[in-house]
Amino acid sequence: MTQPDRRRVLTSLAGGAAVAGIASAISKEAFSELELSALGERAVRHYAWIFAQQGGGPHTQQSIDFWCGPFAPLRYENYLPPQIGRGLIAYEDFPHPIDTENKALEAFNETTKFYGRDWLDPETLDYFAVKPVVGSKDFPFIFSSLVGEKNTPARTALLAIDSPLGEFGRPGIHSAFSSCYNSMIGISHIGERGFLQQKRYSRTSSESDFVRSFLRDTSLCDTVIVTSSGLFELDAGLSPSASTEDLVGELVRRLSYALIKPKILERIVGPSSTKSKPRYFALGSATLNARFEPLLHLQRMLDRQSEFVSASFAPLASDDLPLFIATSTDDDLEQRTGVMDVLARAASITGYALSPDMFVSVKAPRYQADTRRPGWLDLIALWPFSIVG
């Protein structure tokens, strides 16, 4: 994929200013002078798509790009390994046309300063662009021209579906990602205790209403991975002073190192020929750093996670398998054998037949807790669940 520099991108901005109109049937006499002034200002707003991307490894075996909206509750991109590129998509309006390079740069700086992301620096971005258009109908052409069409090697998009962009589900944007990426993985942090309590945020205070909305927002993904505080708060190996964002970020960091491995990515995404709807996984943490009986503590963590997923999200999927990914392990052979016994037990008591496909390991930097003891393991557990909706 060609990576245009800032000047190359910005000099291609001109054309297609969007002007929001006011219905002619509304009589001017019906409004005060102040209201007419406000409507007039609204009528000359100019809408544009804003794109920014930075980093990512060379497109060899498998390339992964992370994408988010402008105001995400969690900044997942701060925890990604350098091999994964990070990008932002926003849809904004301006009081003036975006028809020159200087105006485009001014518009970019004006909007991104509110996003709270340090990496949105025009001097360090691989590219950024401000494209004057209306809605999602022109998005596929713009997006593919910047990102490139999918081909070999395979490409994967990692989407922050909980960023309030509200655009990933639109048909035009869905088709754009499908034409540029071979697979798509959505990630979302579900606050409090999963779907069970999220119903309070739905329009009708109904859990099923929230789930239907969630299914709609995730429909473009091949796989959706959710986190929740209940899936990592029991992990005594994580720092007790860390923020929720840092704890979720640690899960995302471990997951990202796993996704870089093509075989693990394929295992998580699943075979494309058999998918009719996304696969859903709940992401839990297990950091072997307990003061006493670490293996017993690991066993209790995993037992609790499987129970929590079934109770707070949806029943565990009977047609899929959990996946335990160790991102750093001890060299102690005896402990490693004990860990494998615990993982096998965690799978069997939840009704799964043992399979080698459940256990993988990758190399990643060790988690830096406040205190680390000898005999350690950094692990994530992906629990499959099945949503009926």
Protein backbone atom coordinates (compact mmCIF):
# COMPACT_ATOMS: atom_id res chain seq x y z
CA MET A 1 0.00 0.00 0.00
CA THR A 2 1.35 3.39 -0.94
CA GLN A 3 1.70 5.70 2.04
CA PRO A 4 1.21 9.28 0.84
CA ASP A 5 2.94 11.99 2.78
CA ARG A 6 1.05 14.88 4.37
CA ARG A 7 1.47 17.26 1.44
CA ARG A 8 0.50 14.62 -1.09
CA VAL A 9 -2.69 13.83 0.78
CA LEU A 10 -3.70 17.40 1.51
CA THR A 11 -3.17 18.62 -2.03
CA SER A 12 -5.80 16.09 -3.14
CA LEU A 13 -8.48 17.52 -0.89
CA ALA A 14 -10.30 19.92 -3.16
CA GLY A 15 -13.76 19.21 -4.36
CA GLY A 16 -17.13 18.17 -3.03
CA ALA A 17 -18.02 20.63 -0.29
CA ALA A 18 -21.16 19.61 1.58
CA VAL A 19 -23.87 22.17 2.26
CA ALA A 20 -26.74 21.25 4.53
CA GLY A 21 -29.97 22.74 3.19
CA ILE A 22 -33.13 23.92 4.93
CA ALA A 23 -36.51 22.79 3.71
CA SER A 24 -38.01 25.48 1.48
CA ALA A 25 -41.47 24.77 2.80
CA ILE A 26 -40.66 26.41 6.13
CA SER A 27 -41.73 30.02 6.10
CA LYS A 28 -39.16 32.60 7.19
CA GLU A 29 -41.87 34.46 9.08
CA ALA A 30 -42.13 31.53 11.45
CA PHE A 31 -38.71 32.28 12.93
CA SER A 32 -37.16 35.12 14.86
CA GLU A 33 -34.15 37.00 13.50
CA LEU A 34 -31.91 35.14 15.91
CA GLU A 35 -33.31 31.80 14.81
CA LEU A 36 -32.89 32.72 11.13
CA SER A 37 -29.29 33.65 11.81
CA ALA A 38 -28.68 30.30 13.46
CA LEU A 39 -30.34 28.47 10.58
CA GLY A 40 -28.28 30.44 8.10
CA GLU A 41 -25.11 29.46 9.89
CA ARG A 42 -26.28 25.85 9.90
CA ALA A 43 -27.00 26.03 6.17
CA VAL A 44 -23.40 26.78 5.30
CA ARG A 45 -21.75 24.10 7.40
CA HIS A 46 -19.32 22.02 5.36
CA TYR A 47 -18.98 18.35 6.20
CA ALA A 48 -15.86 16.24 5.78
CA TRP A 49 -14.39 12.87 6.59
CA ILE A 50 -11.17 13.00 8.62
CA PHE A 51 -8.62 10.21 8.44
CA ALA A 52 -5.33 9.64 10.25
CA GLN A 53 -3.04 6.63 10.38
CA GLN A 54 0.31 5.87 11.92
CA GLY A 55 2.68 2.96 12.21
CA GLY A 56 2.26 -0.72 11.53
CA GLY A 57 4.67 -3.38 10.41
CA PRO A 58 5.58 -4.25 6.81
CA HIS A 59 2.93 -6.08 4.82
CA THR A 60 4.52 -9.51 4.84
CA GLN A 61 2.67 -12.49 6.28
CA GLN A 62 -0.20 -10.59 7.84
CA SER A 63 -0.85 -6.90 8.40
CA ILE A 64 -3.26 -5.57 11.04
CA ASP A 65 -4.65 -2.04 11.20
CA PHE A 66 -6.50 -0.70 14.22
CA TRP A 67 -9.31 1.81 13.56
CA CYS A 68 -11.35 3.87 16.01
CA GLY A 69 -13.74 6.80 16.08
CA PRO A 70 -12.98 10.25 17.48
CA PHE A 71 -14.19 9.98 21.08
CA ALA A 72 -13.47 6.49 22.39
CA PRO A 73 -14.08 5.74 26.09
CA LEU A 74 -10.84 3.73 26.14
CA ARG A 75 -7.72 4.49 24.13
CA TYR A 76 -6.86 0.98 23.00
CA GLU A 77 -4.25 2.27 20.56
CA ASN A 78 -1.96 3.32 23.42
CA TYR A 79 -1.39 -0.35 24.25
CA LEU A 80 -0.87 -1.82 20.78
CA PRO A 81 2.48 -3.31 19.83
CA PRO A 82 4.38 -1.40 17.13
CA GLN A 83 3.59 -4.05 14.51
CA ILE A 84 -0.06 -2.93 14.44
CA GLY A 85 -0.95 0.31 12.71
CA ARG A 86 -3.42 2.68 14.33
CA GLY A 87 -5.94 4.84 12.56
CA LEU A 88 -8.78 7.24 13.24
CA ILE A 89 -11.96 8.02 11.31
CA ALA A 90 -14.16 11.01 12.11
CA TYR A 91 -17.01 12.88 10.44
CA GLU A 92 -17.02 16.59 11.23
CA ASP A 93 -18.54 19.85 10.04
CA PHE A 94 -16.84 23.23 9.53
CA PRO A 95 -18.05 26.80 8.88
CA HIS A 96 -15.88 27.16 5.77
CA PRO A 97 -15.05 25.04 2.70
CA ILE A 98 -12.02 22.74 2.91
CA ASP A 99 -10.53 23.65 -0.45
CA THR A 100 -6.85 24.37 0.25
CA GLU A 101 -3.99 22.62 2.02
CA ASN A 102 -3.81 25.25 4.75
CA LYS A 103 -7.54 25.03 5.46
CA ALA A 104 -7.32 21.25 5.59
CA LEU A 105 -4.46 21.38 8.07
CA GLU A 106 -6.32 23.96 10.14
CA ALA A 107 -9.46 21.80 10.12
CA PHE A 108 -7.49 18.71 11.14
CA ASN A 109 -5.81 20.47 14.05
CA GLU A 110 -9.08 22.11 15.10
CA THR A 111 -10.94 18.83 15.45
CA THR A 112 -8.28 16.44 16.68
CA LYS A 113 -7.23 18.66 19.59
CA PHE A 114 -10.49 17.62 21.28
CA TYR A 115 -9.87 13.89 20.84
CA GLY A 116 -7.26 13.55 23.60
CA ARG A 117 -4.86 11.38 21.61
CA ASP A 118 -1.18 12.20 21.69
CA TRP A 119 -0.40 10.30 18.51
CA LEU A 120 -2.54 12.62 16.34
CA ASP A 121 0.42 14.82 15.49
CA PRO A 122 0.54 15.84 11.81
CA GLU A 123 4.35 15.79 11.92
CA THR A 124 4.52 12.11 12.90
CA LEU A 125 1.51 10.60 11.13
CA ASP A 126 2.06 8.42 8.08
CA TYR A 127 -0.87 10.20 6.52
CA PHE A 128 -3.90 12.27 7.37
CA ALA A 129 -6.58 13.73 5.17
CA VAL A 130 -9.70 15.87 5.31
CA LYS A 131 -12.14 14.90 2.57
CA PRO A 132 -15.16 17.19 1.97
CA VAL A 133 -18.20 14.95 1.34
CA VAL A 134 -21.64 14.18 2.75
CA GLY A 135 -22.57 10.98 4.55
CA SER A 136 -21.38 7.45 3.90
CA LYS A 137 -22.16 7.14 0.19
CA ASP A 138 -18.74 8.45 -0.86
CA PHE A 139 -16.86 6.70 1.91
CA PRO A 140 -15.93 3.46 0.05
CA PHE A 141 -14.08 5.28 -2.74
CA ILE A 142 -12.27 7.62 -0.34
CA PHE A 143 -11.33 4.86 2.10
CA SER A 144 -10.06 2.43 -0.54
CA SER A 145 -8.02 5.16 -2.21
CA LEU A 146 -6.24 5.86 1.08
CA VAL A 147 -5.97 2.33 2.47
CA GLY A 148 -5.87 0.19 -0.68
CA GLU A 149 -7.89 -2.80 -1.82
CA LYS A 150 -7.45 -6.16 -0.13
CA ASN A 151 -5.21 -8.74 -1.76
CA THR A 152 -2.38 -10.99 -0.72
CA PRO A 153 -0.94 -10.95 1.84
CA ALA A 154 -4.10 -10.97 3.94
CA ARG A 155 -5.09 -7.88 5.89
CA THR A 156 -7.11 -7.57 9.09
CA ALA A 157 -8.92 -4.59 10.58
CA LEU A 158 -9.17 -4.32 14.36
CA LEU A 159 -12.12 -2.04 15.11
CA ALA A 160 -12.94 -0.22 18.34
CA ILE A 161 -16.67 -0.73 18.01
CA ASP A 162 -17.39 1.03 21.31
CA SER A 163 -16.00 4.33 20.03
CA PRO A 164 -19.04 6.54 19.47
CA LEU A 165 -18.38 7.05 15.80
CA GLY A 166 -21.63 5.26 15.10
CA GLU A 167 -20.53 4.81 11.51
CA PHE A 168 -19.06 1.30 11.25
CA GLY A 169 -22.51 -0.19 10.83
CA ARG A 170 -23.51 1.99 7.89
CA PRO A 171 -23.81 0.07 4.61
CA GLY A 172 -21.29 2.22 2.74
CA ILE A 173 -18.68 1.94 5.46
CA HIS A 174 -19.30 -1.77 5.90
CA SER A 175 -18.65 -2.39 2.21
CA ALA A 176 -15.55 -0.17 2.31
CA PHE A 177 -13.93 -2.21 5.05
CA SER A 178 -14.97 -5.44 3.35
CA SER A 179 -13.27 -4.36 0.12
CA CYS A 180 -10.04 -3.36 1.91
CA TYR A 181 -9.67 -6.08 4.55
CA ASN A 182 -9.84 -9.86 4.43
CA SER A 183 -11.14 -10.07 7.99
CA MET A 184 -12.45 -7.76 10.71
CA ILE A 185 -12.25 -8.12 14.47
CA GLY A 186 -14.28 -5.84 16.72
CA ILE A 187 -13.27 -5.06 20.28
CA SER A 188 -15.46 -3.44 22.92
CA HIS A 189 -15.34 -2.86 26.67
CA ILE A 190 -18.77 -3.51 28.17
CA GLY A 191 -18.96 -1.50 31.38
CA GLU A 192 -20.03 -2.80 34.75
CA ARG A 193 -21.14 -6.46 34.54
CA GLY A 194 -21.72 -7.21 30.89
CA PHE A 195 -25.02 -7.23 29.03
CA LEU A 196 -26.95 -7.86 32.24
CA GLN A 197 -26.55 -4.28 33.49
CA GLN A 198 -26.12 -2.51 30.19
CA LYS A 199 -29.89 -2.62 29.66
CA ARG A 200 -30.13 0.58 31.72
CA TYR A 201 -28.46 2.42 28.84
CA SER A 202 -30.85 1.14 26.18
CA ARG A 203 -33.76 3.24 24.99
CA THR A 204 -36.38 0.96 26.53
CA SER A 205 -34.36 -0.23 29.56
CA SER A 206 -34.55 -3.69 28.07
CA GLU A 207 -31.66 -6.13 28.02
CA SER A 208 -32.89 -7.61 24.74
CA ASP A 209 -33.07 -4.11 23.22
CA PHE A 210 -29.45 -3.50 24.19
CA VAL A 211 -28.38 -6.86 22.76
CA ARG A 212 -30.15 -6.16 19.45
CA SER A 213 -28.35 -2.83 19.23
CA PHE A 214 -25.06 -4.54 20.01
CA LEU A 215 -25.67 -7.16 17.33
CA ARG A 216 -26.41 -4.45 14.78
CA ASP A 217 -23.25 -2.53 15.61
CA THR A 218 -21.09 -5.64 15.36
CA SER A 219 -22.67 -7.18 12.27
CA LEU A 220 -19.79 -6.29 9.94
CA CYS A 221 -17.22 -8.16 12.05
CA ASP A 222 -16.02 -11.72 11.62
CA THR A 223 -15.23 -11.91 15.33
CA VAL A 224 -16.16 -9.68 18.27
CA ILE A 225 -14.12 -9.66 21.49
CA VAL A 226 -15.57 -8.03 24.60
CA THR A 227 -14.01 -7.18 27.94
CA SER A 228 -15.58 -6.35 31.28
CA SER A 229 -14.26 -5.52 34.73
CA GLY A 230 -15.63 -8.82 35.98
CA LEU A 231 -13.17 -10.63 33.71
CA PHE A 232 -10.02 -9.19 35.22
CA GLU A 233 -10.76 -7.87 38.72
CA LEU A 234 -10.00 -11.27 40.27
CA ASP A 235 -6.56 -11.33 38.68
CA ALA A 236 -4.30 -10.66 41.67
CA GLY A 237 -1.30 -10.43 39.35
CA LEU A 238 -2.54 -7.17 37.85
CA SER A 239 -1.63 -3.93 39.55
CA PRO A 240 -4.20 -2.92 42.19
CA SER A 241 -3.40 0.75 41.55
CA ALA A 242 -3.99 0.58 37.78
CA SER A 243 -6.95 2.32 36.16
CA THR A 244 -9.66 0.40 34.34
CA GLU A 245 -8.24 1.69 31.06
CA ASP A 246 -4.78 0.37 31.93
CA LEU A 247 -6.18 -3.03 32.91
CA VAL A 248 -8.22 -3.32 29.72
CA GLY A 249 -5.19 -2.04 27.82
CA GLU A 250 -3.07 -4.87 29.25
CA LEU A 251 -5.59 -7.39 27.93
CA VAL A 252 -5.55 -5.70 24.53
CA ARG A 253 -1.74 -5.70 24.53
CA ARG A 254 -1.57 -9.45 25.15
CA LEU A 255 -4.30 -10.10 22.58
CA SER A 256 -2.53 -7.97 19.97
CA TYR A 257 0.72 -9.93 20.27
CA ALA A 258 -1.33 -13.07 19.69
CA LEU A 259 -3.12 -11.64 16.66
CA ILE A 260 0.22 -10.93 14.99
CA LYS A 261 0.69 -14.70 14.68
CA PRO A 262 -1.20 -15.85 11.54
CA LYS A 263 -2.22 -19.23 12.97
CA ILE A 264 -3.68 -17.69 16.12
CA LEU A 265 -5.41 -14.98 14.10
CA GLU A 266 -6.96 -17.65 11.90
CA ARG A 267 -8.08 -19.57 14.97
CA ILE A 268 -9.79 -16.45 16.40
CA VAL A 269 -11.38 -15.27 13.15
CA GLY A 270 -12.43 -18.76 12.08
CA PRO A 271 -12.96 -20.15 8.58
CA SER A 272 -14.60 -17.54 6.37
CA SER A 273 -16.47 -20.11 4.30
CA THR A 274 -18.63 -21.22 7.22
CA LYS A 275 -19.49 -17.91 8.91
CA SER A 276 -23.02 -16.53 8.72
CA LYS A 277 -22.66 -14.22 11.75
CA PRO A 278 -19.83 -13.01 13.98
CA ARG A 279 -18.16 -15.19 16.56
CA TYR A 280 -18.24 -13.72 20.07
CA PHE A 281 -15.55 -14.08 22.72
CA ALA A 282 -15.19 -12.67 26.23
CA LEU A 283 -11.60 -11.75 27.07
CA GLY A 284 -10.32 -12.58 30.56
CA SER A 285 -6.96 -12.13 32.28
CA ALA A 286 -4.85 -14.53 34.35
CA THR A 287 -1.48 -13.35 35.67
CA LEU A 288 0.25 -15.95 37.82
CA ASN A 289 1.61 -13.79 40.62
CA ALA A 290 -0.30 -14.85 43.72
CA ARG A 291 1.58 -14.96 47.04
CA PHE A 292 0.33 -18.43 48.03
CA GLU A 293 -0.91 -21.41 46.01
CA PRO A 294 -0.61 -19.71 42.58
CA LEU A 295 -2.01 -22.69 40.64
CA LEU A 296 -5.06 -22.90 42.90
CA HIS A 297 -5.57 -19.18 42.43
CA LEU A 298 -5.30 -19.61 38.64
CA GLN A 299 -7.90 -22.38 38.77
CA ARG A 300 -10.34 -20.22 40.73
CA MET A 301 -9.85 -17.26 38.37
CA LEU A 302 -10.70 -19.33 35.32
CA ASP A 303 -13.68 -21.01 37.00
CA ARG A 304 -15.04 -17.60 37.93
CA GLN A 305 -14.51 -16.20 34.43
CA SER A 306 -16.48 -18.98 32.73
CA GLU A 307 -19.33 -18.56 35.23
CA PHE A 308 -19.30 -14.79 34.79
CA VAL A 309 -19.53 -14.99 30.98
CA SER A 310 -22.54 -17.33 31.13
CA ALA A 311 -24.31 -15.22 33.75
CA SER A 312 -23.52 -11.69 32.56
CA PHE A 313 -23.17 -12.01 28.78
CA ALA A 314 -24.66 -15.14 27.23
CA PRO A 315 -24.32 -18.92 27.53
CA LEU A 316 -20.96 -20.34 26.52
CA ALA A 317 -20.99 -21.45 22.88
CA SER A 318 -21.25 -25.22 22.60
CA ASP A 319 -20.10 -25.25 18.96
CA ASP A 320 -16.81 -23.45 19.64
CA LEU A 321 -13.82 -23.85 21.93
CA PRO A 322 -12.21 -21.55 24.48
CA LEU A 323 -8.69 -20.40 23.73
CA PHE A 324 -6.00 -19.96 26.38
CA ILE A 325 -3.06 -17.84 25.18
CA ALA A 326 0.08 -17.57 27.28
CA THR A 327 2.03 -14.44 26.37
CA SER A 328 4.90 -15.06 28.80
CA THR A 329 5.74 -18.21 30.73
CA ASP A 330 8.10 -19.54 33.36
CA ASP A 331 10.91 -21.91 32.42
CA ASP A 332 9.98 -24.14 35.32
CA LEU A 333 8.86 -27.40 33.72
CA GLU A 334 6.99 -28.56 36.83
CA GLN A 335 4.96 -25.37 37.00
CA ARG A 336 4.26 -25.44 33.29
CA THR A 337 2.84 -28.95 33.66
CA GLY A 338 0.68 -27.75 36.54
CA VAL A 339 -0.60 -24.81 34.49
CA MET A 340 -1.59 -27.12 31.61
CA ASP A 341 -3.48 -29.33 34.06
CA VAL A 342 -5.38 -26.30 35.39
CA LEU A 343 -6.25 -25.11 31.86
CA ALA A 344 -7.44 -28.59 30.90
CA ARG A 345 -9.62 -28.71 33.99
CA ALA A 346 -11.07 -25.24 33.30
CA ALA A 347 -12.12 -26.39 29.83
CA SER A 348 -13.52 -29.74 30.92
CA ILE A 349 -15.72 -28.47 33.77
CA THR A 350 -17.42 -26.07 31.36
CA GLY A 351 -18.36 -28.97 29.11
CA TYR A 352 -15.69 -28.74 26.41
CA ALA A 353 -13.86 -31.77 25.09
CA LEU A 354 -10.12 -31.31 25.39
CA SER A 355 -8.37 -30.23 22.20
CA PRO A 356 -4.86 -28.99 21.41
CA ASP A 357 -6.54 -26.04 19.66
CA MET A 358 -7.33 -24.62 23.11
CA PHE A 359 -3.74 -23.93 24.13
CA VAL A 360 -1.20 -21.65 22.43
CA SER A 361 1.67 -19.44 23.51
CA VAL A 362 3.33 -16.37 22.05
CA LYS A 363 6.28 -14.24 23.04
CA ALA A 364 5.44 -10.82 24.40
CA PRO A 365 7.00 -8.47 26.94
CA ARG A 366 6.24 -9.56 30.49
CA TYR A 367 3.57 -7.58 32.35
CA GLN A 368 5.16 -5.05 34.67
CA ALA A 369 3.13 -5.27 37.87
CA ASP A 370 3.93 -3.38 41.06
CA THR A 371 5.65 -6.53 42.33
CA ARG A 372 6.47 -9.71 40.43
CA ARG A 373 7.42 -12.97 42.13
CA PRO A 374 9.32 -15.97 40.78
CA GLY A 375 7.14 -18.47 38.99
CA TRP A 376 4.96 -16.48 36.65
CA LEU A 377 2.55 -16.65 33.75
CA ASP A 378 0.80 -13.94 31.71
CA LEU A 379 -2.28 -15.41 30.06
CA ILE A 380 -5.51 -14.38 28.40
CA ALA A 381 -8.58 -16.55 28.09
CA LEU A 382 -11.04 -16.19 25.22
CA TRP A 383 -14.41 -17.62 26.25
CA PRO A 384 -16.82 -18.17 23.32
CA PHE A 385 -20.44 -17.27 23.94
CA SER A 386 -23.55 -17.46 21.83
CA ILE A 387 -26.02 -14.58 21.49
CA VAL A 388 -29.57 -15.31 20.41
CA GLY A 389 -31.02 -12.25 18.72
